[in-house]
């Protein structure tokens, strides 16, 4: 039998069923040392504002507990439509986007975000969360404008690395948008100066 375990079933009609089993796992000792990356996680991500778009309550709990270890208190949206509203009302550094949700799924939500007039919000990094990743899903994620993806259930270390990488991407995007706005401002000022002199 699997795990060398026996399953015992106790069933009483019109009352219910109890299923009992024991599983023995090998004990593994911990040497007490933490890697430097784990120690630094809180410092690296604590200032980030993360939007989690997910409808499954168990997944929400797991993601929240993982992010809270890094001092991130996420904002939760149960579907893509709610996520769009929250993005319009607030600012976020990263979006964790489930792909399959009621009302509006992750693909449609990502496309809508990328079409926003506010260029900063339209370029927020989006990390897709999906239970299955194949070539078709990966291509749909790219086509919808998302930046990255992570399989569920995820390894917290992998989530940390993806959030950190996309946070750095967000900094580059912000910087480029500011440069563009400054450049446009300089052109307008130069035009106005020439107009006034004439």
C-alpha atoms as a PDB file:
ATOM      1  CA  UNK A   1       0.000   0.000   0.000  1.00  0.00           C
ATOM      2  CA  UNK A   2       1.036   3.629  -0.467  1.00  0.00           C
ATOM      3  CA  UNK A   3       3.185   4.944   2.442  1.00  0.00           C
ATOM      4  CA  UNK A   4       2.837   1.448   3.993  1.00  0.00           C
ATOM      5  CA  UNK A   5      -0.420   2.613   5.531  1.00  0.00           C
ATOM      6  CA  UNK A   6      -3.820   0.996   6.051  1.00  0.00           C
ATOM      7  CA  UNK A   7      -7.094   2.875   5.625  1.00  0.00           C
ATOM      8  CA  UNK A   8      -9.961   2.069   8.021  1.00  0.00           C
ATOM      9  CA  UNK A   9     -13.518   2.988   7.112  1.00  0.00           C
ATOM     10  CA  UNK A  10     -16.278   3.286   9.727  1.00  0.00           C
ATOM     11  CA  UNK A  11     -19.656   4.079   8.229  1.00  0.00           C
ATOM     12  CA  UNK A  12     -23.048   4.448   9.905  1.00  0.00           C
ATOM     13  CA  UNK A  13     -26.132   4.793   7.665  1.00  0.00           C
ATOM     14  CA  UNK A  14     -27.851   8.206   7.867  1.00  0.00           C
ATOM     15  CA  UNK A  15     -25.138   9.485  10.226  1.00  0.00           C
ATOM     16  CA  UNK A  16     -21.828   9.674   8.397  1.00  0.00           C
ATOM     17  CA  UNK A  17     -18.485   8.088   7.630  1.00  0.00           C
ATOM     18  CA  UNK A  18     -15.129   8.208   9.401  1.00  0.00           C
ATOM     19  CA  UNK A  19     -11.931   7.465   7.476  1.00  0.00           C
ATOM     20  CA  UNK A  20      -8.850   6.715   9.585  1.00  0.00           C
ATOM     21  CA  UNK A  21      -5.225   6.151   8.577  1.00  0.00           C
ATOM     22  CA  UNK A  22      -1.683   6.618   9.908  1.00  0.00           C
ATOM     23  CA  UNK A  23       1.324   7.701   7.847  1.00  0.00           C
ATOM     24  CA  UNK A  24       4.883   7.542   9.153  1.00  0.00           C
ATOM     25  CA  UNK A  25       7.408   9.994   7.702  1.00  0.00           C
ATOM     26  CA  UNK A  26      11.147  10.030   8.302  1.00  0.00           C
ATOM     27  CA  UNK A  27      12.293  12.725  10.695  1.00  0.00           C
ATOM     28  CA  UNK A  28      14.840  15.174   9.266  1.00  0.00           C
ATOM     29  CA  UNK A  29      16.832  17.369  11.623  1.00  0.00           C
ATOM     30  CA  UNK A  30      17.372  21.075  10.942  1.00  0.00           C
ATOM     31  CA  UNK A  31      20.871  22.500  11.384  1.00  0.00           C
ATOM     32  CA  UNK A  32      19.488  25.881  12.534  1.00  0.00           C
ATOM     33  CA  UNK A  33      21.121  28.035   9.882  1.00  0.00           C
ATOM     34  CA  UNK A  34      19.117  30.141   7.449  1.00  0.00           C
ATOM     35  CA  UNK A  35      20.390  31.176   4.057  1.00  0.00           C
ATOM     36  CA  UNK A  36      21.222  34.886   3.705  1.00  0.00           C
ATOM     37  CA  UNK A  37      18.563  35.233   1.000  1.00  0.00           C
ATOM     38  CA  UNK A  38      15.827  34.075   3.376  1.00  0.00           C
ATOM     39  CA  UNK A  39      16.990  36.495   6.061  1.00  0.00           C
ATOM     40  CA  UNK A  40      16.969  39.416   3.624  1.00  0.00           C
ATOM     41  CA  UNK A  41      13.524  38.691   2.117  1.00  0.00           C
ATOM     42  CA  UNK A  42      11.644  41.007   4.490  1.00  0.00           C
ATOM     43  CA  UNK A  43      13.953  43.921   3.740  1.00  0.00           C
ATOM     44  CA  UNK A  44      13.796  43.425  -0.028  1.00  0.00           C
ATOM     45  CA  UNK A  45      10.039  43.370  -0.528  1.00  0.00           C
ATOM     46  CA  UNK A  46       8.458  44.961   2.550  1.00  0.00           C
ATOM     47  CA  UNK A  47       7.623  48.264   0.798  1.00  0.00           C
ATOM     48  CA  UNK A  48       5.805  46.654  -2.137  1.00  0.00           C
ATOM     49  CA  UNK A  49       2.061  46.938  -2.711  1.00  0.00           C
ATOM     50  CA  UNK A  50       0.834  43.675  -4.237  1.00  0.00           C
ATOM     51  CA  UNK A  51      -2.595  42.977  -5.746  1.00  0.00           C
ATOM     52  CA  UNK A  52      -3.610  39.317  -5.566  1.00  0.00           C
ATOM     53  CA  UNK A  53      -6.379  38.423  -8.022  1.00  0.00           C
ATOM     54  CA  UNK A  54      -7.647  35.012  -6.957  1.00  0.00           C
ATOM     55  CA  UNK A  55     -11.087  33.490  -6.268  1.00  0.00           C
ATOM     56  CA  UNK A  56     -10.082  30.326  -4.374  1.00  0.00           C
ATOM     57  CA  UNK A  57     -10.105  30.970  -0.617  1.00  0.00           C
ATOM     58  CA  UNK A  58      -7.463  28.318   0.128  1.00  0.00           C
ATOM     59  CA  UNK A  59      -5.106  29.791  -2.473  1.00  0.00           C
ATOM     60  CA  UNK A  60      -5.762  33.296  -1.100  1.00  0.00           C
ATOM     61  CA  UNK A  61      -4.822  32.114   2.393  1.00  0.00           C
ATOM     62  CA  UNK A  62      -1.603  30.441   1.168  1.00  0.00           C
ATOM     63  CA  UNK A  63      -0.547  33.501  -0.864  1.00  0.00           C
ATOM     64  CA  UNK A  64      -1.368  35.917   1.972  1.00  0.00           C
ATOM     65  CA  UNK A  65       0.605  33.892   4.515  1.00  0.00           C
ATOM     66  CA  UNK A  66       3.559  33.647   2.137  1.00  0.00           C
ATOM     67  CA  UNK A  67       3.594  37.387   1.411  1.00  0.00           C
ATOM     68  CA  UNK A  68       3.129  38.293   5.080  1.00  0.00           C
ATOM     69  CA  UNK A  69       6.405  36.484   5.847  1.00  0.00           C
ATOM     70  CA  UNK A  70       8.047  39.242   3.778  1.00  0.00           C
ATOM     71  CA  UNK A  71       6.004  41.997   5.503  1.00  0.00           C
ATOM     72  CA  UNK A  72       3.745  42.439   2.465  1.00  0.00           C
ATOM     73  CA  UNK A  73       0.041  42.929   3.221  1.00  0.00           C
ATOM     74  CA  UNK A  74      -1.628  42.156  -0.124  1.00  0.00           C
ATOM     75  CA  UNK A  75      -4.861  43.587  -1.484  1.00  0.00           C
ATOM     76  CA  UNK A  76      -7.259  40.839  -2.616  1.00  0.00           C
ATOM     77  CA  UNK A  77      -9.556  40.884  -5.661  1.00  0.00           C
ATOM     78  CA  UNK A  78     -11.809  37.847  -6.196  1.00  0.00           C
ATOM     79  CA  UNK A  79     -12.042  38.285  -9.969  1.00  0.00           C
ATOM     80  CA  UNK A  80     -10.643  40.347 -12.836  1.00  0.00           C
ATOM     81  CA  UNK A  81     -13.433  42.930 -12.754  1.00  0.00           C
ATOM     82  CA  UNK A  82     -12.761  43.751  -9.091  1.00  0.00           C
ATOM     83  CA  UNK A  83      -9.031  43.857  -9.848  1.00  0.00           C
ATOM     84  CA  UNK A  84      -9.575  46.472 -12.602  1.00  0.00           C
ATOM     85  CA  UNK A  85     -11.565  48.635 -10.188  1.00  0.00           C
ATOM     86  CA  UNK A  86      -8.879  48.376  -7.496  1.00  0.00           C
ATOM     87  CA  UNK A  87      -6.136  49.282  -9.989  1.00  0.00           C
ATOM     88  CA  UNK A  88      -8.119  52.343 -11.079  1.00  0.00           C
ATOM     89  CA  UNK A  89      -8.531  53.412  -7.426  1.00  0.00           C
ATOM     90  CA  UNK A  90      -5.060  52.545  -6.072  1.00  0.00           C
ATOM     91  CA  UNK A  91      -1.441  52.074  -7.140  1.00  0.00           C
ATOM     92  CA  UNK A  92       0.306  48.695  -7.144  1.00  0.00           C
ATOM     93  CA  UNK A  93       3.854  47.479  -7.728  1.00  0.00           C
ATOM     94  CA  UNK A  94       3.049  43.899  -8.786  1.00  0.00           C
ATOM     95  CA  UNK A  95      -0.097  41.909  -9.650  1.00  0.00           C
ATOM     96  CA  UNK A  96      -0.428  38.175  -8.982  1.00  0.00           C
ATOM     97  CA  UNK A  97      -3.134  37.044 -11.423  1.00  0.00           C
ATOM     98  CA  UNK A  98      -5.049  33.767 -11.348  1.00  0.00           C
ATOM     99  CA  UNK A  99      -6.041  32.785 -14.874  1.00  0.00           C
ATOM    100  CA  UNK A 100      -9.424  31.137 -14.296  1.00  0.00           C
ATOM    101  CA  UNK A 101     -11.981  33.150 -12.305  1.00  0.00           C
ATOM    102  CA  UNK A 102     -15.698  33.954 -12.572  1.00  0.00           C
ATOM    103  CA  UNK A 103     -17.013  37.240 -14.052  1.00  0.00           C
ATOM    104  CA  UNK A 104     -13.680  38.166 -15.694  1.00  0.00           C
ATOM    105  CA  UNK A 105     -10.751  35.765 -16.022  1.00  0.00           C
ATOM    106  CA  UNK A 106      -7.056  36.609 -15.734  1.00  0.00           C
ATOM    107  CA  UNK A 107      -6.456  36.811 -19.484  1.00  0.00           C
ATOM    108  CA  UNK A 108      -9.205  39.386 -20.060  1.00  0.00           C
ATOM    109  CA  UNK A 109      -8.179  41.348 -16.973  1.00  0.00           C
ATOM    110  CA  UNK A 110      -4.543  41.521 -18.157  1.00  0.00           C
ATOM    111  CA  UNK A 111      -5.572  42.741 -21.618  1.00  0.00           C
ATOM    112  CA  UNK A 112      -7.803  45.416 -20.009  1.00  0.00           C
ATOM    113  CA  UNK A 113      -4.976  46.562 -17.728  1.00  0.00           C
ATOM    114  CA  UNK A 114      -2.558  46.872 -20.657  1.00  0.00           C
ATOM    115  CA  UNK A 115      -5.087  49.130 -22.451  1.00  0.00           C
ATOM    116  CA  UNK A 116      -5.444  51.601 -19.540  1.00  0.00           C
ATOM    117  CA  UNK A 117      -4.840  55.263 -20.375  1.00  0.00           C
ATOM    118  CA  UNK A 118      -2.613  55.704 -17.321  1.00  0.00           C
ATOM    119  CA  UNK A 119       0.666  54.338 -18.693  1.00  0.00           C
ATOM    120  CA  UNK A 120       2.124  53.630 -15.247  1.00  0.00           C
ATOM    121  CA  UNK A 121      -0.849  51.455 -14.312  1.00  0.00           C
ATOM    122  CA  UNK A 122      -0.979  49.905 -17.785  1.00  0.00           C
ATOM    123  CA  UNK A 123       2.578  48.650 -17.305  1.00  0.00           C
ATOM    124  CA  UNK A 124       2.326  47.154 -13.811  1.00  0.00           C
ATOM    125  CA  UNK A 125       4.139  43.778 -13.886  1.00  0.00           C
ATOM    126  CA  UNK A 126       1.653  40.877 -13.918  1.00  0.00           C
ATOM    127  CA  UNK A 127       2.651  37.388 -12.770  1.00  0.00           C
ATOM    128  CA  UNK A 128       0.140  34.723 -13.808  1.00  0.00           C
ATOM    129  CA  UNK A 129      -0.729  31.978 -11.329  1.00  0.00           C
ATOM    130  CA  UNK A 130      -1.843  28.736 -12.960  1.00  0.00           C
ATOM    131  CA  UNK A 131      -2.333  25.114 -11.959  1.00  0.00           C
ATOM    132  CA  UNK A 132      -1.105  23.854 -15.324  1.00  0.00           C
ATOM    133  CA  UNK A 133       1.472  25.306 -17.683  1.00  0.00           C
ATOM    134  CA  UNK A 134       1.864  23.969 -21.196  1.00  0.00           C
ATOM    135  CA  UNK A 135       2.976  25.667 -24.409  1.00  0.00           C
ATOM    136  CA  UNK A 136      -0.569  26.769 -25.221  1.00  0.00           C
ATOM    137  CA  UNK A 137      -1.138  28.359 -21.786  1.00  0.00           C
ATOM    138  CA  UNK A 138       2.307  29.981 -21.799  1.00  0.00           C
ATOM    139  CA  UNK A 139       1.602  31.546 -25.209  1.00  0.00           C
ATOM    140  CA  UNK A 140      -1.815  32.826 -24.062  1.00  0.00           C
ATOM    141  CA  UNK A 141      -0.135  34.412 -21.018  1.00  0.00           C
ATOM    142  CA  UNK A 142       2.341  36.221 -23.280  1.00  0.00           C
ATOM    143  CA  UNK A 143      -0.400  37.246 -25.749  1.00  0.00           C
ATOM    144  CA  UNK A 144      -2.443  38.754 -22.899  1.00  0.00           C
ATOM    145  CA  UNK A 145       0.527  40.966 -21.987  1.00  0.00           C
ATOM    146  CA  UNK A 146       1.534  39.291 -18.724  1.00  0.00           C
ATOM    147  CA  UNK A 147       5.199  39.389 -17.729  1.00  0.00           C
ATOM    148  CA  UNK A 148       5.711  36.013 -16.120  1.00  0.00           C
ATOM    149  CA  UNK A 149       3.951  32.964 -14.685  1.00  0.00           C
ATOM    150  CA  UNK A 150       4.203  30.622 -11.732  1.00  0.00           C
ATOM    151  CA  UNK A 151       2.725  27.131 -11.322  1.00  0.00           C
ATOM    152  CA  UNK A 152       0.440  26.339  -8.380  1.00  0.00           C
ATOM    153  CA  UNK A 153       1.238  25.051  -5.839  1.00  0.00           C
ATOM    154  CA  UNK A 154       4.299  27.299  -5.871  1.00  0.00           C
ATOM    155  CA  UNK A 155       7.613  27.257  -4.066  1.00  0.00           C
ATOM    156  CA  UNK A 156       7.823  30.451  -1.930  1.00  0.00           C
ATOM    157  CA  UNK A 157      11.447  30.930  -3.033  1.00  0.00           C
ATOM    158  CA  UNK A 158      10.344  30.959  -6.686  1.00  0.00           C
ATOM    159  CA  UNK A 159       7.576  33.473  -5.916  1.00  0.00           C
ATOM    160  CA  UNK A 160      10.076  35.704  -4.133  1.00  0.00           C
ATOM    161  CA  UNK A 161      12.483  35.651  -7.082  1.00  0.00           C
ATOM    162  CA  UNK A 162       9.734  36.443  -9.597  1.00  0.00           C
ATOM    163  CA  UNK A 163       8.315  39.313  -7.524  1.00  0.00           C
ATOM    164  CA  UNK A 164      11.806  40.735  -7.023  1.00  0.00           C
ATOM    165  CA  UNK A 165      12.664  40.448 -10.730  1.00  0.00           C
ATOM    166  CA  UNK A 166       9.402  42.118 -11.748  1.00  0.00           C
ATOM    167  CA  UNK A 167       9.828  44.796  -9.081  1.00  0.00           C
ATOM    168  CA  UNK A 168      13.131  45.707 -10.724  1.00  0.00           C
ATOM    169  CA  UNK A 169      11.376  45.706 -14.121  1.00  0.00           C
ATOM    170  CA  UNK A 170       8.771  48.071 -12.686  1.00  0.00           C
ATOM    171  CA  UNK A 171      11.505  50.467 -11.542  1.00  0.00           C
ATOM    172  CA  UNK A 172      12.905  50.527 -15.100  1.00  0.00           C
ATOM    173  CA  UNK A 173       9.410  51.157 -16.530  1.00  0.00           C
ATOM    174  CA  UNK A 174       8.773  54.008 -14.076  1.00  0.00           C
ATOM    175  CA  UNK A 175      12.138  55.540 -14.910  1.00  0.00           C
ATOM    176  CA  UNK A 176      11.505  55.331 -18.655  1.00  0.00           C
ATOM    177  CA  UNK A 177       8.027  56.864 -18.327  1.00  0.00           C
ATOM    178  CA  UNK A 178       9.453  59.737 -16.258  1.00  0.00           C
ATOM    179  CA  UNK A 179      12.165  60.295 -18.881  1.00  0.00           C
ATOM    180  CA  UNK A 180       9.536  60.393 -21.637  1.00  0.00           C
ATOM    181  CA  UNK A 181       7.378  62.859 -19.697  1.00  0.00           C
ATOM    182  CA  UNK A 182      10.407  65.077 -18.989  1.00  0.00           C
ATOM    183  CA  UNK A 183      11.385  64.971 -22.654  1.00  0.00           C
ATOM    184  CA  UNK A 184       7.851  65.960 -23.714  1.00  0.00           C
ATOM    185  CA  UNK A 185       7.814  68.707 -21.080  1.00  0.00           C
ATOM    186  CA  UNK A 186      11.092  70.103 -22.427  1.00  0.00           C
ATOM    187  CA  UNK A 187       9.713  70.111 -25.986  1.00  0.00           C
ATOM    188  CA  UNK A 188       6.568  71.960 -24.846  1.00  0.00           C
ATOM    189  CA  UNK A 189       8.604  74.505 -22.870  1.00  0.00           C
ATOM    190  CA  UNK A 190      10.925  75.070 -25.832  1.00  0.00           C
ATOM    191  CA  UNK A 191       7.935  75.518 -28.170  1.00  0.00           C
ATOM    192  CA  UNK A 192       6.290  78.005 -25.781  1.00  0.00           C
ATOM    193  CA  UNK A 193       9.526  79.941 -25.392  1.00  0.00           C
ATOM    194  CA  UNK A 194       9.916  80.210 -29.181  1.00  0.00           C
ATOM    195  CA  UNK A 195       6.259  81.239 -29.502  1.00  0.00           C
ATOM    196  CA  UNK A 196       6.626  83.973 -26.824  1.00  0.00           C
ATOM    197  CA  UNK A 197       9.863  85.326 -28.369  1.00  0.00           C
ATOM    198  CA  UNK A 198       8.178  85.584 -31.791  1.00  0.00           C
END
